[in-house]
Amino acid sequence: MNSEQPLPSGEAGQLQASEQREQPRQGKRLKYAKFRKVIAIIMAALLPGLGHLFLGLFIRGLSFIVLLLLDIFAMLYVSSDGLRINIPLLILLGLFIPVLYFYNVYDVLQSADYMVRYRRKPDRYVRMDARGQQSSPFYTWERGFAFAVLMVAGGGLMILFRMKPRWLSNFFEDYGFLTLAILLMMIGLFLFLREALLTFKRKKLKERG
């Protein structure tokens, strides 16, 4: 015996009319999301972090801005008077700016695409957070401690660059290039593992869908 009963004709008509009214609204939301994507990419191309701020990803946007300021402060410190200029270190610091710039544009593009997909099928991208509420895993960085650590470390480095202690000068002259090279390798490895994990999750989602 079939336990499912057909809806009365009145209720079925109301449900169909509600779905027809919702379709144009959903189409307008998708068009608006795509428009925001274009504006976010333009803003990200103007200055790293602006595109994320426009999309509402404030912590990500501020992180890109802080990293850019730190790199500029480090370049000014390394090239300042009274410090023996480390040419390889200065080149690496200079190369970090275009790397940060293009990754910022790439991340804005990925973020905007995710938001479009999330608007289409939010149930596929929602999970329960520690408070028992539904949230998207995309916003984990926005609620984590990483940004707080970055702000504390960045502020401390800016103070050191301003005070110019002798031990910091010796460290930059002797080990600055090696330290920055290892740091860039670690960041590259982290990004590679992150993208590999995201690719694996996308494949899993496609298999389920």
C-alpha atoms as a PDB file:
ATOM      1  CA  MET A   1       0.000   0.000   0.000  1.00  0.00           C
ATOM      2  CA  ASN A   2       1.404   3.352  -0.927  1.00  0.00           C
ATOM      3  CA  SER A   3       1.699   5.590   2.165  1.00  0.00           C
ATOM      4  CA  GLU A   4       2.140   8.745   0.107  1.00  0.00           C
ATOM      5  CA  GLN A   5      -1.075  10.571  -0.640  1.00  0.00           C
ATOM      6  CA  PRO A   6      -1.465  13.029  -3.506  1.00  0.00           C
ATOM      7  CA  LEU A   7      -1.873  16.656  -2.568  1.00  0.00           C
ATOM      8  CA  PRO A   8      -5.299  18.206  -2.986  1.00  0.00           C
ATOM      9  CA  SER A   9      -5.677  20.085  -6.221  1.00  0.00           C
ATOM     10  CA  GLY A  10      -5.789  23.440  -4.400  1.00  0.00           C
ATOM     11  CA  GLU A  11      -2.567  22.808  -2.482  1.00  0.00           C
ATOM     12  CA  ALA A  12      -0.828  21.452  -5.597  1.00  0.00           C
ATOM     13  CA  GLY A  13      -1.761  24.596  -7.505  1.00  0.00           C
ATOM     14  CA  GLN A  14      -0.477  26.835  -4.731  1.00  0.00           C
ATOM     15  CA  LEU A  15       2.804  24.893  -4.565  1.00  0.00           C
ATOM     16  CA  GLN A  16       3.280  25.139  -8.321  1.00  0.00           C
ATOM     17  CA  ALA A  17       2.513  28.870  -8.287  1.00  0.00           C
ATOM     18  CA  SER A  18       5.001  29.367  -5.437  1.00  0.00           C
ATOM     19  CA  GLU A  19       7.724  27.553  -7.392  1.00  0.00           C
ATOM     20  CA  GLN A  20       6.991  29.659 -10.472  1.00  0.00           C
ATOM     21  CA  ARG A  21       7.323  32.856  -8.431  1.00  0.00           C
ATOM     22  CA  GLU A  22      10.578  31.642  -6.867  1.00  0.00           C
ATOM     23  CA  GLN A  23      12.301  30.842 -10.171  1.00  0.00           C
ATOM     24  CA  PRO A  24      12.582  34.487 -11.380  1.00  0.00           C
ATOM     25  CA  ARG A  25      13.869  35.520  -7.946  1.00  0.00           C
ATOM     26  CA  GLN A  26      16.521  32.825  -8.008  1.00  0.00           C
ATOM     27  CA  GLY A  27      17.546  33.870 -11.506  1.00  0.00           C
ATOM     28  CA  LYS A  28      17.925  37.481 -10.349  1.00  0.00           C
ATOM     29  CA  ARG A  29      20.052  36.355  -7.394  1.00  0.00           C
ATOM     30  CA  LEU A  30      22.354  34.403  -9.702  1.00  0.00           C
ATOM     31  CA  LYS A  31      22.702  37.367 -12.065  1.00  0.00           C
ATOM     32  CA  TYR A  32      23.522  39.607  -9.105  1.00  0.00           C
ATOM     33  CA  ALA A  33      26.093  37.091  -7.837  1.00  0.00           C
ATOM     34  CA  LYS A  34      27.787  36.998 -11.263  1.00  0.00           C
ATOM     35  CA  PHE A  35      27.786  40.803 -11.384  1.00  0.00           C
ATOM     36  CA  ARG A  36      29.447  40.895  -7.955  1.00  0.00           C
ATOM     37  CA  LYS A  37      32.025  38.422  -9.232  1.00  0.00           C
ATOM     38  CA  VAL A  38      33.071  40.780 -12.038  1.00  0.00           C
ATOM     39  CA  ILE A  39      33.272  43.789  -9.694  1.00  0.00           C
ATOM     40  CA  ALA A  40      35.248  41.763  -7.128  1.00  0.00           C
ATOM     41  CA  ILE A  41      37.817  40.699  -9.742  1.00  0.00           C
ATOM     42  CA  ILE A  42      38.254  44.320 -10.882  1.00  0.00           C
ATOM     43  CA  MET A  43      38.749  45.488  -7.282  1.00  0.00           C
ATOM     44  CA  ALA A  44      41.186  42.641  -6.578  1.00  0.00           C
ATOM     45  CA  ALA A  45      43.178  43.687  -9.640  1.00  0.00           C
ATOM     46  CA  LEU A  46      43.391  47.247  -8.288  1.00  0.00           C
ATOM     47  CA  LEU A  47      44.608  46.291  -4.799  1.00  0.00           C
ATOM     48  CA  PRO A  48      45.034  42.891  -3.099  1.00  0.00           C
ATOM     49  CA  GLY A  49      42.296  42.362  -0.538  1.00  0.00           C
ATOM     50  CA  LEU A  50      39.726  44.800  -1.939  1.00  0.00           C
ATOM     51  CA  GLY A  51      37.894  42.089  -3.878  1.00  0.00           C
ATOM     52  CA  HIS A  52      37.529  39.952  -0.759  1.00  0.00           C
ATOM     53  CA  LEU A  53      36.247  42.924   1.228  1.00  0.00           C
ATOM     54  CA  PHE A  54      33.653  43.562  -1.497  1.00  0.00           C
ATOM     55  CA  LEU A  55      32.484  39.926  -1.307  1.00  0.00           C
ATOM     56  CA  GLY A  56      32.137  40.164   2.465  1.00  0.00           C
ATOM     57  CA  LEU A  57      35.228  38.063   3.217  1.00  0.00           C
ATOM     58  CA  PHE A  58      36.682  40.665   5.550  1.00  0.00           C
ATOM     59  CA  ILE A  59      39.256  38.483   7.289  1.00  0.00           C
ATOM     60  CA  ARG A  60      40.662  37.197   3.995  1.00  0.00           C
ATOM     61  CA  GLY A  61      40.801  40.669   2.528  1.00  0.00           C
ATOM     62  CA  LEU A  62      42.540  42.138   5.566  1.00  0.00           C
ATOM     63  CA  SER A  63      44.980  39.212   5.550  1.00  0.00           C
ATOM     64  CA  PHE A  64      46.084  40.046   2.001  1.00  0.00           C
ATOM     65  CA  ILE A  65      46.461  43.728   2.915  1.00  0.00           C
ATOM     66  CA  VAL A  66      48.516  42.919   6.036  1.00  0.00           C
ATOM     67  CA  LEU A  67      50.796  40.562   4.083  1.00  0.00           C
ATOM     68  CA  LEU A  68      51.334  43.224   1.410  1.00  0.00           C
ATOM     69  CA  LEU A  69      52.196  45.855   4.032  1.00  0.00           C
ATOM     70  CA  LEU A  70      54.569  43.456   5.792  1.00  0.00           C
ATOM     71  CA  ASP A  71      56.397  42.749   2.555  1.00  0.00           C
ATOM     72  CA  ILE A  72      56.736  46.470   1.791  1.00  0.00           C
ATOM     73  CA  PHE A  73      57.998  47.173   5.322  1.00  0.00           C
ATOM     74  CA  ALA A  74      60.508  44.321   5.002  1.00  0.00           C
ATOM     75  CA  MET A  75      61.793  45.665   1.663  1.00  0.00           C
ATOM     76  CA  LEU A  76      62.214  49.140   3.140  1.00  0.00           C
ATOM     77  CA  TYR A  77      64.016  47.689   6.154  1.00  0.00           C
ATOM     78  CA  VAL A  78      66.409  45.551   4.100  1.00  0.00           C
ATOM     79  CA  SER A  79      67.250  48.455   1.789  1.00  0.00           C
ATOM     80  CA  SER A  80      67.561  51.031   4.600  1.00  0.00           C
ATOM     81  CA  ASP A  81      70.745  52.913   5.461  1.00  0.00           C
ATOM     82  CA  GLY A  82      73.073  51.295   7.976  1.00  0.00           C
ATOM     83  CA  LEU A  83      72.191  47.761   6.863  1.00  0.00           C
ATOM     84  CA  ARG A  84      74.302  45.830   4.423  1.00  0.00           C
ATOM     85  CA  ILE A  85      71.962  45.258   1.480  1.00  0.00           C
ATOM     86  CA  ASN A  86      71.217  41.590   0.837  1.00  0.00           C
ATOM     87  CA  ILE A  87      70.474  41.597  -2.902  1.00  0.00           C
ATOM     88  CA  PRO A  88      69.057  38.018  -3.123  1.00  0.00           C
ATOM     89  CA  LEU A  89      66.785  38.704  -0.133  1.00  0.00           C
ATOM     90  CA  LEU A  90      65.608  41.962  -1.672  1.00  0.00           C
ATOM     91  CA  ILE A  91      64.815  40.165  -4.951  1.00  0.00           C
ATOM     92  CA  LEU A  92      62.804  37.494  -3.136  1.00  0.00           C
ATOM     93  CA  LEU A  93      60.865  40.124  -1.214  1.00  0.00           C
ATOM     94  CA  GLY A  94      60.160  41.914  -4.482  1.00  0.00           C
ATOM     95  CA  LEU A  95      58.967  38.712  -6.148  1.00  0.00           C
ATOM     96  CA  PHE A  96      56.570  38.088  -3.276  1.00  0.00           C
ATOM     97  CA  ILE A  97      54.453  41.099  -4.320  1.00  0.00           C
ATOM     98  CA  PRO A  98      53.396  39.752  -7.775  1.00  0.00           C
ATOM     99  CA  VAL A  99      52.913  36.276  -6.260  1.00  0.00           C
ATOM    100  CA  LEU A 100      50.601  37.732  -3.620  1.00  0.00           C
ATOM    101  CA  TYR A 101      48.847  39.876  -6.236  1.00  0.00           C
ATOM    102  CA  PHE A 102      48.033  37.057  -8.656  1.00  0.00           C
ATOM    103  CA  TYR A 103      47.056  34.623  -5.896  1.00  0.00           C
ATOM    104  CA  ASN A 104      44.743  37.315  -4.556  1.00  0.00           C
ATOM    105  CA  VAL A 105      43.015  37.573  -7.961  1.00  0.00           C
ATOM    106  CA  TYR A 106      42.822  33.772  -8.228  1.00  0.00           C
ATOM    107  CA  ASP A 107      41.351  33.444  -4.740  1.00  0.00           C
ATOM    108  CA  VAL A 108      38.736  36.112  -5.453  1.00  0.00           C
ATOM    109  CA  LEU A 109      37.740  34.236  -8.611  1.00  0.00           C
ATOM    110  CA  GLN A 110      37.423  30.962  -6.675  1.00  0.00           C
ATOM    111  CA  SER A 111      35.522  32.683  -3.867  1.00  0.00           C
ATOM    112  CA  ALA A 112      33.024  34.281  -6.249  1.00  0.00           C
ATOM    113  CA  ASP A 113      32.500  30.974  -8.093  1.00  0.00           C
ATOM    114  CA  TYR A 114      31.878  29.212  -4.804  1.00  0.00           C
ATOM    115  CA  MET A 115      29.294  31.784  -3.806  1.00  0.00           C
ATOM    116  CA  VAL A 116      27.453  31.289  -7.102  1.00  0.00           C
ATOM    117  CA  ARG A 117      27.432  27.510  -6.590  1.00  0.00           C
ATOM    118  CA  TYR A 118      26.385  27.963  -2.957  1.00  0.00           C
ATOM    119  CA  ARG A 119      23.386  30.049  -4.010  1.00  0.00           C
ATOM    120  CA  ARG A 120      22.319  27.333  -6.453  1.00  0.00           C
ATOM    121  CA  LYS A 121      22.678  24.323  -4.120  1.00  0.00           C
ATOM    122  CA  PRO A 122      23.356  25.461  -0.538  1.00  0.00           C
ATOM    123  CA  ASP A 123      22.546  22.043   0.955  1.00  0.00           C
ATOM    124  CA  ARG A 124      25.569  20.477  -0.760  1.00  0.00           C
ATOM    125  CA  TYR A 125      28.003  22.905   0.872  1.00  0.00           C
ATOM    126  CA  VAL A 126      26.558  23.230   4.373  1.00  0.00           C
ATOM    127  CA  ARG A 127      27.873  21.472   7.475  1.00  0.00           C
ATOM    128  CA  MET A 128      27.347  21.793  11.224  1.00  0.00           C
ATOM    129  CA  ASP A 129      29.848  23.946  13.093  1.00  0.00           C
ATOM    130  CA  ALA A 130      31.010  23.608  16.700  1.00  0.00           C
ATOM    131  CA  ARG A 131      27.984  25.587  17.942  1.00  0.00           C
ATOM    132  CA  GLY A 132      25.553  23.211  16.265  1.00  0.00           C
ATOM    133  CA  GLN A 133      24.601  25.722  13.593  1.00  0.00           C
ATOM    134  CA  GLN A 134      24.688  25.328   9.832  1.00  0.00           C
ATOM    135  CA  SER A 135      27.641  27.012   8.176  1.00  0.00           C
ATOM    136  CA  SER A 136      29.638  26.748   4.994  1.00  0.00           C
ATOM    137  CA  PRO A 137      33.171  25.253   5.271  1.00  0.00           C
ATOM    138  CA  PHE A 138      34.266  28.042   2.942  1.00  0.00           C
ATOM    139  CA  TYR A 139      34.077  30.513   5.816  1.00  0.00           C
ATOM    140  CA  THR A 140      36.340  28.554   8.187  1.00  0.00           C
ATOM    141  CA  TRP A 141      39.173  31.071   7.795  1.00  0.00           C
ATOM    142  CA  GLU A 142      36.768  33.887   8.690  1.00  0.00           C
ATOM    143  CA  ARG A 143      36.124  32.329  12.106  1.00  0.00           C
ATOM    144  CA  GLY A 144      39.528  30.870  12.937  1.00  0.00           C
ATOM    145  CA  PHE A 145      42.468  32.063  15.029  1.00  0.00           C
ATOM    146  CA  ALA A 146      44.830  32.340  12.051  1.00  0.00           C
ATOM    147  CA  PHE A 147      44.002  35.980  11.422  1.00  0.00           C
ATOM    148  CA  ALA A 148      44.576  36.882  15.077  1.00  0.00           C
ATOM    149  CA  VAL A 149      47.984  35.201  14.953  1.00  0.00           C
ATOM    150  CA  LEU A 150      48.783  37.041  11.702  1.00  0.00           C
ATOM    151  CA  MET A 151      47.835  40.406  13.210  1.00  0.00           C
ATOM    152  CA  VAL A 152      49.930  39.858  16.351  1.00  0.00           C
ATOM    153  CA  ALA A 153      52.944  38.601  14.366  1.00  0.00           C
ATOM    154  CA  GLY A 154      52.580  41.357  11.760  1.00  0.00           C
ATOM    155  CA  GLY A 155      52.327  44.089  14.369  1.00  0.00           C
ATOM    156  CA  GLY A 156      55.380  42.714  16.183  1.00  0.00           C
ATOM    157  CA  LEU A 157      57.420  42.636  12.986  1.00  0.00           C
ATOM    158  CA  MET A 158      56.437  46.197  12.096  1.00  0.00           C
ATOM    159  CA  ILE A 159      57.596  47.375  15.531  1.00  0.00           C
ATOM    160  CA  LEU A 160      60.920  45.569  15.071  1.00  0.00           C
ATOM    161  CA  PHE A 161      61.373  47.060  11.599  1.00  0.00           C
ATOM    162  CA  ARG A 162      60.818  50.504  13.109  1.00  0.00           C
ATOM    163  CA  MET A 163      63.135  49.996  16.115  1.00  0.00           C
ATOM    164  CA  LYS A 164      65.880  48.296  14.044  1.00  0.00           C
ATOM    165  CA  PRO A 165      67.591  46.282  16.807  1.00  0.00           C
ATOM    166  CA  ARG A 166      71.125  45.137  16.076  1.00  0.00           C
ATOM    167  CA  TRP A 167      70.356  41.413  16.425  1.00  0.00           C
ATOM    168  CA  LEU A 168      67.636  41.711  13.761  1.00  0.00           C
ATOM    169  CA  SER A 169      70.061  43.428  11.392  1.00  0.00           C
ATOM    170  CA  ASN A 170      72.591  40.629  11.891  1.00  0.00           C
ATOM    171  CA  PHE A 171      69.899  38.013  11.318  1.00  0.00           C
ATOM    172  CA  PHE A 172      68.748  39.595   8.054  1.00  0.00           C
ATOM    173  CA  GLU A 173      72.305  40.013   6.815  1.00  0.00           C
ATOM    174  CA  ASP A 174      73.330  36.411   7.581  1.00  0.00           C
ATOM    175  CA  TYR A 175      70.177  34.299   7.418  1.00  0.00           C
ATOM    176  CA  GLY A 176      67.487  36.471   5.831  1.00  0.00           C
ATOM    177  CA  PHE A 177      67.665  34.962   2.332  1.00  0.00           C
ATOM    178  CA  LEU A 178      67.686  31.374   3.604  1.00  0.00           C
ATOM    179  CA  THR A 179      64.815  31.995   6.024  1.00  0.00           C
ATOM    180  CA  LEU A 180      62.628  33.645   3.395  1.00  0.00           C
ATOM    181  CA  ALA A 181      63.377  30.891   0.852  1.00  0.00           C
ATOM    182  CA  ILE A 182      62.318  28.200   3.349  1.00  0.00           C
ATOM    183  CA  LEU A 183      59.213  30.211   4.231  1.00  0.00           C
ATOM    184  CA  LEU A 184      58.199  30.502   0.568  1.00  0.00           C
ATOM    185  CA  MET A 185      58.714  26.757   0.095  1.00  0.00           C
ATOM    186  CA  MET A 186      56.483  26.032   3.095  1.00  0.00           C
ATOM    187  CA  ILE A 187      53.780  28.385   1.783  1.00  0.00           C
ATOM    188  CA  GLY A 188      53.962  26.746  -1.652  1.00  0.00           C
ATOM    189  CA  LEU A 189      53.682  23.283  -0.108  1.00  0.00           C
ATOM    190  CA  PHE A 190      50.708  24.394   1.981  1.00  0.00           C
ATOM    191  CA  LEU A 191      48.906  25.833  -1.067  1.00  0.00           C
ATOM    192  CA  PHE A 192      49.624  22.673  -3.078  1.00  0.00           C
ATOM    193  CA  LEU A 193      48.197  20.419  -0.353  1.00  0.00           C
ATOM    194  CA  ARG A 194      45.207  22.731   0.047  1.00  0.00           C
ATOM    195  CA  GLU A 195      44.383  22.668  -3.664  1.00  0.00           C
ATOM    196  CA  ALA A 196      44.868  18.890  -3.786  1.00  0.00           C
ATOM    197  CA  LEU A 197      42.430  18.494  -0.890  1.00  0.00           C
ATOM    198  CA  LEU A 198      39.879  20.809  -2.534  1.00  0.00           C
ATOM    199  CA  THR A 199      40.180  18.908  -5.821  1.00  0.00           C
ATOM    200  CA  PHE A 200      39.604  15.635  -3.988  1.00  0.00           C
ATOM    201  CA  LYS A 201      36.502  17.057  -2.275  1.00  0.00           C
ATOM    202  CA  ARG A 202      35.141  18.356  -5.609  1.00  0.00           C
ATOM    203  CA  LYS A 203      35.508  14.892  -7.147  1.00  0.00           C
ATOM    204  CA  LYS A 204      33.664  13.386  -4.204  1.00  0.00           C
ATOM    205  CA  LEU A 205      30.848  15.899  -4.595  1.00  0.00           C
ATOM    206  CA  LYS A 206      30.566  15.147  -8.326  1.00  0.00           C
ATOM    207  CA  GLU A 207      30.412  11.420  -7.610  1.00  0.00           C
ATOM    208  CA  ARG A 208      27.626  11.974  -5.106  1.00  0.00           C
ATOM    209  CA  GLY A 209      25.772  14.296  -7.479  1.00  0.00           C
END
